[in-house]
């Protein structure tokens, strides 16, 4: 009898352990959200939400009073912590005024690149990233990487070199690329609570930029110190630009890897279909999770309801992008095909709202992203069994199989490929379990540490502390 009880208990325990990848990560994500809310307080108004519905999302987001960026929100301490060093010089976190105007003008000038140059530069950066110099590509051509990769890691050197050439007007040397990638990877890893900040990696890039300012081919904002100019470049071009473009490319490639039919059509089709794939990917997996703004005045909603000044509005991009679409969780590029509702009428703002600090690269980014994805599709067949979520903490595990000159996969779909994908499925599932626990512990610590340092609050009170302390 006792033996039977023990066997039953062991069997139950085994079932629980085996099922962990199915349920534990989602539960931990929910718990992390609860912890963050408890630490940061209930200060924010979520949009869309109970007070502001989906139908008024654009109206409130575009309101002139929804323009405060950092001052007055405890949540800002957390974003400043993750974006250090120099969050006070980050274009997205500068308050409105002469300094912001000068920085924004410089950014627009740097990004004012002819379309042909954007495409040429992107193509050359992707080709260099894909080459490995060891294995020959079947049918001739350069050696390229293949096997299992993390798509975000594959793409980050591309955008590091791309951003460098935009700023400096010359090819990116390997040591500069490594500094940029090290900085960007450290920022995004901390943002996803998969690792702690390593300020030494970030400070090395700052020091390099301070020394390199005389080589910048553009006129930098007046009225800034040497260090402030370096921090501006670091935040806008070697942090946000590299991280967001790497995430965007990884998301699109992951979507193609998870949907073979879409991938085949995108490879054989024209750029119009690929644009639909990109639009649907950014609808389902928007790069911005929450954009927070602090109201600088009252926002009347009618019927005596007012959002008071100094309120913190948290604009929820994923919720807005899901509203109004049938079966919103399904990946369907056809939503953006000709004959459907015009994009301007859809709940789809992948680059933000024009009236409230949209992404300054909203014209350049889609062009560059399309070329990057097209170049990868020309070189590889993509497969993945990993979970594809908006935050992409797994960095996009993907199996790359080189294509020959005729566009056929070199490694046919045989037992080796199936075993590789089975291994990836098992590994990724258990990685999700471990990663979710790491995110819970490290995320909780960093939220606490950010509140302890109060970088934003101290900056505006005139008592800023060193960013690494």
Protein backbone atom coordinates (compact mmCIF):
# COMPACT_ATOMS: atom_id res chain seq x y z
CA UNK A 1 0.00 0.00 0.00
CA UNK A 2 2.77 2.43 0.98
CA UNK A 3 4.68 1.59 -2.18
CA UNK A 4 1.63 2.39 -4.31
CA UNK A 5 1.26 5.79 -2.60
CA UNK A 6 4.89 6.65 -3.27
CA UNK A 7 4.58 5.58 -6.90
CA UNK A 8 1.51 7.79 -7.26
CA UNK A 9 3.28 10.77 -5.68
CA UNK A 10 6.34 10.33 -7.89
CA UNK A 11 4.15 10.04 -10.96
CA UNK A 12 2.24 13.20 -10.01
CA UNK A 13 5.49 15.04 -9.41
CA UNK A 14 6.82 13.91 -12.77
CA UNK A 15 3.68 15.15 -14.52
CA UNK A 16 4.02 18.55 -12.83
CA UNK A 17 7.69 18.84 -13.76
CA UNK A 18 7.13 17.77 -17.36
CA UNK A 19 4.28 20.27 -17.72
CA UNK A 20 6.25 23.23 -16.35
CA UNK A 21 7.09 24.74 -19.77
CA UNK A 22 3.38 24.88 -20.61
CA UNK A 23 2.17 26.92 -17.65
CA UNK A 24 4.95 28.27 -15.44
CA UNK A 25 6.37 31.05 -17.69
CA UNK A 26 2.96 32.69 -18.11
CA UNK A 27 2.29 32.53 -14.36
CA UNK A 28 5.66 34.10 -13.60
CA UNK A 29 5.05 36.90 -16.12
CA UNK A 30 1.77 37.68 -14.35
CA UNK A 31 3.53 37.61 -10.98
CA UNK A 32 6.22 39.98 -12.27
CA UNK A 33 3.51 42.39 -13.37
CA UNK A 34 1.98 42.28 -9.90
CA UNK A 35 5.38 42.89 -8.27
CA UNK A 36 6.14 45.84 -10.58
CA UNK A 37 2.74 47.36 -9.83
CA UNK A 38 3.21 46.99 -6.09
CA UNK A 39 6.66 48.59 -6.18
CA UNK A 40 5.78 51.40 -8.59
CA UNK A 41 2.37 52.12 -7.12
CA UNK A 42 -1.02 52.65 -8.74
CA UNK A 43 -0.21 56.04 -10.21
CA UNK A 44 -0.93 55.43 -13.90
CA UNK A 45 -3.98 55.49 -16.19
CA UNK A 46 -3.86 52.73 -18.79
CA UNK A 47 -5.03 53.65 -22.29
CA UNK A 48 -7.09 51.94 -23.60
CA UNK A 49 -8.77 51.12 -20.32
CA UNK A 50 -11.77 51.87 -18.19
CA UNK A 51 -11.43 55.64 -18.42
CA UNK A 52 -10.30 55.95 -22.06
CA UNK A 53 -11.59 53.41 -24.55
CA UNK A 54 -10.03 52.22 -27.79
CA UNK A 55 -12.15 54.68 -29.76
CA UNK A 56 -10.45 57.65 -28.05
CA UNK A 57 -6.91 56.27 -27.94
CA UNK A 58 -5.65 58.43 -30.82
CA UNK A 59 -7.48 61.51 -29.57
CA UNK A 60 -5.95 61.37 -26.10
CA UNK A 61 -2.50 60.35 -27.38
CA UNK A 62 -2.52 63.34 -29.75
CA UNK A 63 -3.77 65.85 -27.20
CA UNK A 64 -1.30 68.74 -26.65
CA UNK A 65 -1.47 68.18 -22.89
CA UNK A 66 -0.28 64.56 -23.23
CA UNK A 67 3.23 65.83 -23.84
CA UNK A 68 5.19 65.45 -20.60
CA UNK A 69 7.86 62.79 -20.87
CA UNK A 70 9.66 62.01 -17.63
CA UNK A 71 9.30 64.58 -14.88
CA UNK A 72 6.77 63.67 -12.23
CA UNK A 73 6.37 59.91 -12.83
CA UNK A 74 7.87 57.25 -10.58
CA UNK A 75 7.82 54.99 -13.62
CA UNK A 76 10.41 57.28 -15.23
CA UNK A 77 12.98 56.25 -12.62
CA UNK A 78 12.78 52.70 -13.97
CA UNK A 79 13.19 53.69 -17.63
CA UNK A 80 16.06 56.05 -16.80
CA UNK A 81 17.73 53.25 -14.86
CA UNK A 82 17.55 50.88 -17.80
CA UNK A 83 18.66 53.50 -20.36
CA UNK A 84 21.66 54.81 -18.40
CA UNK A 85 24.11 56.37 -18.98
CA UNK A 86 22.66 59.70 -20.01
CA UNK A 87 18.91 59.09 -19.91
CA UNK A 88 18.47 62.84 -19.37
CA UNK A 89 19.91 63.28 -22.90
CA UNK A 90 17.86 60.52 -24.50
CA UNK A 91 15.65 62.13 -27.14
CA UNK A 92 12.59 60.16 -26.05
CA UNK A 93 12.98 61.37 -22.46
CA UNK A 94 13.86 65.03 -22.95
CA UNK A 95 11.07 67.36 -21.93
CA UNK A 96 9.69 69.74 -24.55
CA UNK A 97 11.75 72.90 -25.01
CA UNK A 98 14.75 74.34 -26.83
CA UNK A 99 17.04 71.45 -25.95
CA UNK A 100 14.59 68.87 -27.25
CA UNK A 101 13.98 70.88 -30.42
CA UNK A 102 17.72 71.10 -31.11
CA UNK A 103 18.26 67.38 -30.54
CA UNK A 104 15.24 66.38 -32.63
CA UNK A 105 16.41 68.60 -35.52
CA UNK A 106 19.84 66.97 -35.48
CA UNK A 107 18.29 63.50 -35.50
CA UNK A 108 16.13 64.37 -38.50
CA UNK A 109 19.19 65.66 -40.37
CA UNK A 110 21.19 62.51 -39.69
CA UNK A 111 18.28 60.35 -40.82
CA UNK A 112 17.70 62.36 -44.00
CA UNK A 113 19.30 59.78 -46.27
CA UNK A 114 18.25 59.09 -49.87
CA UNK A 115 16.32 55.88 -50.35
CA UNK A 116 18.95 54.36 -52.63
CA UNK A 117 21.63 54.98 -50.00
CA UNK A 118 19.52 53.40 -47.25
CA UNK A 119 19.00 50.28 -49.32
CA UNK A 120 22.64 50.05 -50.41
CA UNK A 121 23.94 50.53 -46.87
CA UNK A 122 21.51 48.00 -45.38
CA UNK A 123 22.37 45.40 -48.00
CA UNK A 124 26.11 45.70 -47.44
CA UNK A 125 25.74 45.53 -43.65
CA UNK A 126 23.56 42.39 -43.87
CA UNK A 127 25.94 40.66 -46.27
CA UNK A 128 28.88 41.28 -43.92
CA UNK A 129 26.90 39.96 -40.96
CA UNK A 130 25.93 36.77 -42.76
CA UNK A 131 29.40 35.95 -44.04
CA UNK A 132 31.51 33.71 -41.85
CA UNK A 133 34.53 33.35 -44.13
CA UNK A 134 34.93 29.60 -43.49
CA UNK A 135 32.29 27.53 -45.26
CA UNK A 136 31.63 27.98 -48.94
CA UNK A 137 28.16 28.64 -50.12
CA UNK A 138 26.90 25.84 -52.45
CA UNK A 139 26.89 26.99 -56.02
CA UNK A 140 29.53 29.62 -55.41
CA UNK A 141 29.49 32.92 -53.55
CA UNK A 142 30.68 33.78 -50.08
CA UNK A 143 30.69 31.62 -47.01
CA UNK A 144 27.69 32.28 -44.78
CA UNK A 145 26.62 31.31 -41.32
CA UNK A 146 24.19 28.47 -40.92
CA UNK A 147 22.72 26.26 -38.24
CA UNK A 148 20.90 27.40 -35.10
CA UNK A 149 21.27 31.09 -34.32
CA UNK A 150 19.57 33.74 -32.21
CA UNK A 151 18.08 36.16 -34.68
CA UNK A 152 18.48 39.24 -32.48
CA UNK A 153 22.17 38.43 -32.04
CA UNK A 154 22.52 37.91 -35.79
CA UNK A 155 20.92 41.25 -36.60
CA UNK A 156 22.50 43.47 -33.97
CA UNK A 157 25.88 43.87 -35.73
CA UNK A 158 23.96 44.85 -38.89
CA UNK A 159 22.32 47.83 -37.26
CA UNK A 160 25.43 48.71 -35.25
CA UNK A 161 27.35 49.17 -38.51
CA UNK A 162 24.38 50.86 -40.17
CA UNK A 163 24.04 53.45 -37.40
CA UNK A 164 27.77 54.06 -37.29
CA UNK A 165 27.88 54.87 -40.99
CA UNK A 166 24.91 57.22 -40.67
CA UNK A 167 26.62 59.16 -37.89
CA UNK A 168 30.26 59.06 -38.98
CA UNK A 169 29.93 58.69 -42.75
CA UNK A 170 32.53 55.94 -42.91
CA UNK A 171 32.77 52.17 -42.52
CA UNK A 172 32.44 50.89 -38.96
CA UNK A 173 35.68 49.39 -37.60
CA UNK A 174 35.32 46.05 -35.78
CA UNK A 175 36.23 47.42 -32.35
CA UNK A 176 33.58 50.17 -32.64
CA UNK A 177 30.99 47.62 -33.77
CA UNK A 178 31.81 45.46 -30.73
CA UNK A 179 31.43 48.45 -28.38
CA UNK A 180 28.06 49.35 -29.91
CA UNK A 181 26.76 45.78 -29.82
CA UNK A 182 27.97 45.32 -26.24
CA UNK A 183 26.15 48.48 -25.15
CA UNK A 184 22.90 47.73 -27.01
CA UNK A 185 22.79 44.10 -25.94
CA UNK A 186 23.33 45.05 -22.31
CA UNK A 187 20.51 47.61 -22.43
CA UNK A 188 17.95 45.32 -24.07
CA UNK A 189 18.91 42.34 -21.88
CA UNK A 190 18.33 44.45 -18.76
CA UNK A 191 15.07 45.86 -20.17
CA UNK A 192 13.78 42.32 -20.55
CA UNK A 193 15.00 41.49 -17.03
CA UNK A 194 17.16 38.67 -18.40
CA UNK A 195 20.33 40.16 -16.91
CA UNK A 196 21.56 42.99 -14.71
CA UNK A 197 23.07 46.22 -16.02
CA UNK A 198 26.81 46.26 -16.72
CA UNK A 199 27.68 49.93 -16.66
CA UNK A 200 31.30 49.28 -17.60
CA UNK A 201 30.19 48.00 -21.04
CA UNK A 202 28.07 51.08 -21.55
CA UNK A 203 30.66 53.53 -20.25
CA UNK A 204 33.27 52.19 -22.67
CA UNK A 205 31.06 53.24 -25.58
CA UNK A 206 30.52 56.67 -24.00
CA UNK A 207 34.26 57.20 -23.71
CA UNK A 208 34.76 56.13 -27.33
CA UNK A 209 32.09 58.55 -28.55
CA UNK A 210 33.55 61.44 -26.55
CA UNK A 211 36.90 60.85 -28.27
CA UNK A 212 35.25 60.41 -31.68
CA UNK A 213 33.03 63.51 -31.74
CA UNK A 214 35.41 65.44 -34.06
CA UNK A 215 34.82 62.74 -36.71
CA UNK A 216 31.02 63.05 -36.69
CA UNK A 217 30.00 64.29 -40.14
CA UNK A 218 26.97 66.20 -38.88
CA UNK A 219 26.62 69.39 -36.89
CA UNK A 220 25.64 68.36 -33.37
CA UNK A 221 23.18 70.31 -31.19
CA UNK A 222 24.49 73.60 -29.87
CA UNK A 223 24.43 74.33 -26.16
CA UNK A 224 25.48 70.82 -25.14
CA UNK A 225 28.68 69.81 -23.43
CA UNK A 226 31.01 67.31 -25.07
CA UNK A 227 29.73 64.52 -22.84
CA UNK A 228 26.10 65.47 -23.45
CA UNK A 229 26.64 65.27 -27.20
CA UNK A 230 28.19 61.83 -26.83
CA UNK A 231 25.31 60.68 -24.63
CA UNK A 232 22.78 62.00 -27.13
CA UNK A 233 24.39 59.94 -29.92
CA UNK A 234 24.67 56.91 -27.68
CA UNK A 235 21.02 57.02 -26.65
CA UNK A 236 19.45 57.79 -30.01
CA UNK A 237 21.67 55.98 -32.52
CA UNK A 238 23.70 53.36 -30.66
CA UNK A 239 21.08 52.30 -28.14
CA UNK A 240 17.50 52.82 -29.31
CA UNK A 241 18.14 52.56 -33.06
CA UNK A 242 20.26 49.41 -32.78
CA UNK A 243 17.96 47.72 -30.26
CA UNK A 244 14.70 48.53 -32.03
CA UNK A 245 15.87 47.64 -35.52
CA UNK A 246 17.40 44.39 -34.25
CA UNK A 247 14.18 43.52 -32.47
CA UNK A 248 12.08 44.41 -35.51
CA UNK A 249 14.18 42.29 -37.87
CA UNK A 250 14.19 39.38 -35.42
CA UNK A 251 10.40 39.55 -35.07
CA UNK A 252 9.81 39.54 -38.83
CA UNK A 253 12.24 36.68 -39.40
CA UNK A 254 10.70 34.71 -36.52
CA UNK A 255 7.23 35.21 -37.99
CA UNK A 256 8.47 33.91 -41.33
CA UNK A 257 10.20 30.96 -39.66
CA UNK A 258 6.99 30.02 -37.82
CA UNK A 259 4.82 30.35 -40.97
CA UNK A 260 6.43 28.41 -43.86
CA UNK A 261 3.68 29.27 -46.35
CA UNK A 262 4.10 32.98 -45.71
CA UNK A 263 7.86 32.60 -45.94
CA UNK A 264 7.66 30.87 -49.32
CA UNK A 265 5.35 33.52 -50.71
CA UNK A 266 7.50 36.35 -49.33
CA UNK A 267 10.61 34.83 -50.88
CA UNK A 268 8.97 34.46 -54.27
CA UNK A 269 6.81 37.57 -54.13
CA UNK A 270 7.36 41.28 -54.51
CA UNK A 271 8.06 43.90 -51.88
CA UNK A 272 4.40 44.77 -51.52
CA UNK A 273 3.68 41.41 -49.93
CA UNK A 274 6.77 41.64 -47.75
CA UNK A 275 5.53 45.05 -46.56
CA UNK A 276 2.25 43.36 -45.54
CA UNK A 277 4.24 40.74 -43.61
CA UNK A 278 6.20 43.47 -41.82
CA UNK A 279 3.03 45.43 -41.01
CA UNK A 280 1.29 42.37 -39.59
CA UNK A 281 4.37 41.41 -37.58
CA UNK A 282 4.55 44.87 -36.00
CA UNK A 283 0.82 44.76 -35.32
CA UNK A 284 1.07 41.46 -33.49
CA UNK A 285 4.46 42.16 -31.90
CA UNK A 286 4.77 45.96 -31.55
CA UNK A 287 8.22 47.19 -30.57
CA UNK A 288 6.73 49.53 -27.99
CA UNK A 289 4.93 47.84 -25.11
CA UNK A 290 3.94 50.86 -23.05
CA UNK A 291 4.57 54.51 -23.91
CA UNK A 292 4.13 56.68 -20.85
CA UNK A 293 3.34 60.38 -20.91
CA UNK A 294 2.72 62.88 -18.09
CA UNK A 295 -0.09 65.33 -18.74
CA UNK A 296 0.95 68.99 -18.65
CA UNK A 297 -2.66 70.16 -18.33
CA UNK A 298 -6.19 68.84 -17.97
CA UNK A 299 -7.60 66.68 -20.76
CA UNK A 300 -11.41 66.89 -20.87
CA UNK A 301 -13.17 63.71 -21.94
CA UNK A 302 -16.72 65.08 -21.89
CA UNK A 303 -19.66 64.58 -19.55
CA UNK A 304 -17.70 66.15 -16.72
CA UNK A 305 -14.87 63.60 -16.92
CA UNK A 306 -11.36 65.09 -16.94
CA UNK A 307 -7.89 63.60 -16.88
CA UNK A 308 -6.15 66.01 -14.50
CA UNK A 309 -2.77 67.58 -15.05
CA UNK A 310 0.24 65.59 -13.77
CA UNK A 311 -1.51 62.29 -14.52
CA UNK A 312 0.62 59.45 -15.88
CA UNK A 313 -0.87 57.96 -19.04
CA UNK A 314 0.37 54.53 -20.10
CA UNK A 315 -0.50 53.94 -23.75
CA UNK A 316 -0.76 50.19 -24.27
CA UNK A 317 0.34 49.45 -27.85
CA UNK A 318 -0.36 45.68 -27.81
CA UNK A 319 -3.92 46.21 -26.56
CA UNK A 320 -4.58 48.93 -29.14
CA UNK A 321 -3.15 46.82 -31.97
CA UNK A 322 -5.40 43.88 -31.08
CA UNK A 323 -8.60 45.92 -30.90
CA UNK A 324 -10.81 46.00 -33.97
CA UNK A 325 -9.21 43.04 -35.73
CA UNK A 326 -11.02 39.70 -36.12
CA UNK A 327 -9.11 36.87 -34.45
CA UNK A 328 -6.38 39.34 -33.38
CA UNK A 329 -3.94 36.69 -32.17
CA UNK A 330 -3.69 35.07 -35.61
CA UNK A 331 -0.80 36.02 -37.89
CA UNK A 332 -2.38 37.15 -41.17
CA UNK A 333 -0.51 39.54 -43.52
CA UNK A 334 -3.67 39.68 -45.64
CA UNK A 335 -5.10 42.20 -43.17
CA UNK A 336 -2.92 44.80 -44.92
CA UNK A 337 -3.55 43.66 -48.49
CA UNK A 338 -5.09 46.01 -51.07
CA UNK A 339 -8.86 46.03 -50.88
CA UNK A 340 -8.97 46.02 -47.08
CA UNK A 341 -9.46 49.05 -44.86
CA UNK A 342 -6.80 51.75 -45.38
CA UNK A 343 -3.95 51.45 -42.89
CA UNK A 344 -4.66 54.95 -41.55
CA UNK A 345 -8.09 53.70 -40.40
CA UNK A 346 -6.73 50.64 -38.59
CA UNK A 347 -5.58 50.44 -34.99
CA UNK A 348 -2.01 50.23 -36.15
CA UNK A 349 0.67 52.73 -35.09
CA UNK A 350 3.97 50.78 -35.16
CA UNK A 351 6.01 54.00 -35.17
CA UNK A 352 3.87 56.01 -32.75
CA UNK A 353 1.55 58.97 -33.25
CA UNK A 354 2.60 61.87 -35.51
CA UNK A 355 1.32 64.40 -32.97
CA UNK A 356 3.23 62.96 -30.02
CA UNK A 357 6.88 62.17 -30.66
CA UNK A 358 6.70 59.46 -33.30
CA UNK A 359 9.77 57.39 -34.03
CA UNK A 360 12.10 59.77 -35.92
CA UNK A 361 13.05 56.89 -38.24
CA UNK A 362 9.47 56.18 -39.30
CA UNK A 363 10.36 56.77 -42.96
CA UNK A 364 13.81 55.17 -43.01
CA UNK A 365 13.15 52.12 -40.81
CA UNK A 366 10.62 50.31 -43.04
CA UNK A 367 12.90 50.69 -46.07
CA UNK A 368 15.92 49.33 -44.25
CA UNK A 369 13.93 46.56 -42.58
CA UNK A 370 12.52 45.37 -45.89
CA UNK A 371 15.98 45.14 -47.48
CA UNK A 372 17.43 43.30 -44.47
CA UNK A 373 14.66 40.70 -44.45
CA UNK A 374 14.85 40.27 -48.22
CA UNK A 375 18.61 39.61 -48.03
CA UNK A 376 18.15 36.94 -45.35
CA UNK A 377 15.35 35.28 -47.34
CA UNK A 378 17.60 35.12 -50.39
CA UNK A 379 20.26 33.29 -48.39
CA UNK A 380 18.28 31.00 -46.08
CA UNK A 381 15.30 28.86 -45.38
CA UNK A 382 14.16 29.67 -41.83
CA UNK A 383 12.66 27.27 -39.27
CA UNK A 384 11.80 27.77 -35.61
CA UNK A 385 9.77 25.98 -32.96
CA UNK A 386 10.41 28.58 -30.23
CA UNK A 387 7.74 30.70 -28.59
CA UNK A 388 7.25 34.00 -30.39
CA UNK A 389 6.16 36.70 -27.96
CA UNK A 390 6.24 40.48 -28.14
CA UNK A 391 9.11 40.86 -25.68
CA UNK A 392 11.14 38.09 -27.41
CA UNK A 393 13.29 37.30 -24.34
CA UNK A 394 14.64 34.16 -26.06
CA UNK A 395 16.25 36.41 -28.74
CA UNK A 396 14.62 34.43 -31.55
CA UNK A 397 16.10 30.91 -31.83
CA UNK A 398 16.05 29.89 -35.49
CA UNK A 399 17.49 27.19 -37.74
CA UNK A 400 19.11 28.68 -40.85
CA UNK A 401 19.47 26.38 -43.86
CA UNK A 402 21.45 27.91 -46.74
CA UNK A 403 19.81 28.11 -50.16
CA UNK A 404 21.62 27.37 -53.38
CA UNK A 405 21.59 29.76 -56.31
CA UNK A 406 18.33 28.27 -57.51
CA UNK A 407 16.65 29.09 -54.22
CA UNK A 408 16.47 25.49 -52.96
CA UNK A 409 17.44 24.46 -49.44
CA UNK A 410 20.81 22.75 -49.44
CA UNK A 411 19.96 20.51 -46.51
CA UNK A 412 16.78 18.74 -47.49
CA UNK A 413 14.03 18.17 -45.00
CA UNK A 414 15.32 14.94 -43.54
CA UNK A 415 15.85 13.26 -40.16
CA UNK A 416 18.71 15.60 -39.24
CA UNK A 417 16.55 18.67 -39.59
CA UNK A 418 13.66 17.08 -37.68
CA UNK A 419 15.97 16.08 -34.84
CA UNK A 420 17.42 19.57 -34.70
CA UNK A 421 13.96 21.13 -34.48
CA UNK A 422 12.91 18.59 -31.81
CA UNK A 423 15.98 19.47 -29.78
CA UNK A 424 15.20 23.18 -30.21
CA UNK A 425 11.61 22.66 -29.05
CA UNK A 426 12.70 20.84 -25.88
CA UNK A 427 15.53 23.24 -25.14
CA UNK A 428 13.46 26.37 -25.73
CA UNK A 429 10.62 25.13 -23.53
CA UNK A 430 12.91 24.52 -20.57
CA UNK A 431 14.81 27.74 -21.24
CA UNK A 432 11.49 29.55 -20.91
CA UNK A 433 11.01 28.03 -17.46
CA UNK A 434 14.46 29.01 -16.22
CA UNK A 435 14.35 32.41 -17.91
CA UNK A 436 11.01 33.33 -16.38
CA UNK A 437 12.39 32.66 -12.89
CA UNK A 438 15.50 34.72 -13.67
CA UNK A 439 13.30 37.55 -14.95
CA UNK A 440 11.26 37.47 -11.76
CA UNK A 441 14.30 37.71 -9.49
CA UNK A 442 16.37 40.18 -11.52
CA UNK A 443 13.38 42.28 -12.54
CA UNK A 444 12.28 42.67 -8.94
CA UNK A 445 15.79 43.65 -7.91
CA UNK A 446 16.17 46.23 -10.69
CA UNK A 447 12.80 47.82 -9.96
CA UNK A 448 13.84 48.15 -6.33
CA UNK A 449 17.28 49.48 -7.28
CA UNK A 450 15.78 52.01 -9.68
CA UNK A 451 13.48 53.32 -6.96
CA UNK A 452 16.46 53.50 -4.61
CA UNK A 453 18.58 55.53 -7.04
CA UNK A 454 15.68 57.72 -8.26
CA UNK A 455 17.70 58.93 -11.24
CA UNK A 456 14.85 60.89 -12.83
CA UNK A 457 13.50 62.38 -9.61
CA UNK A 458 16.95 63.49 -8.48
CA UNK A 459 17.76 64.97 -11.87
CA UNK A 460 14.74 67.25 -11.85
CA UNK A 461 15.21 68.14 -8.21
CA UNK A 462 18.80 69.19 -8.96
CA UNK A 463 20.42 66.46 -6.87
CA UNK A 464 21.35 63.83 -9.44
CA UNK A 465 23.52 60.94 -8.30
CA UNK A 466 26.10 59.16 -10.44
CA UNK A 467 24.32 56.74 -12.75
CA UNK A 468 26.34 53.68 -11.82
CA UNK A 469 25.81 53.98 -8.06
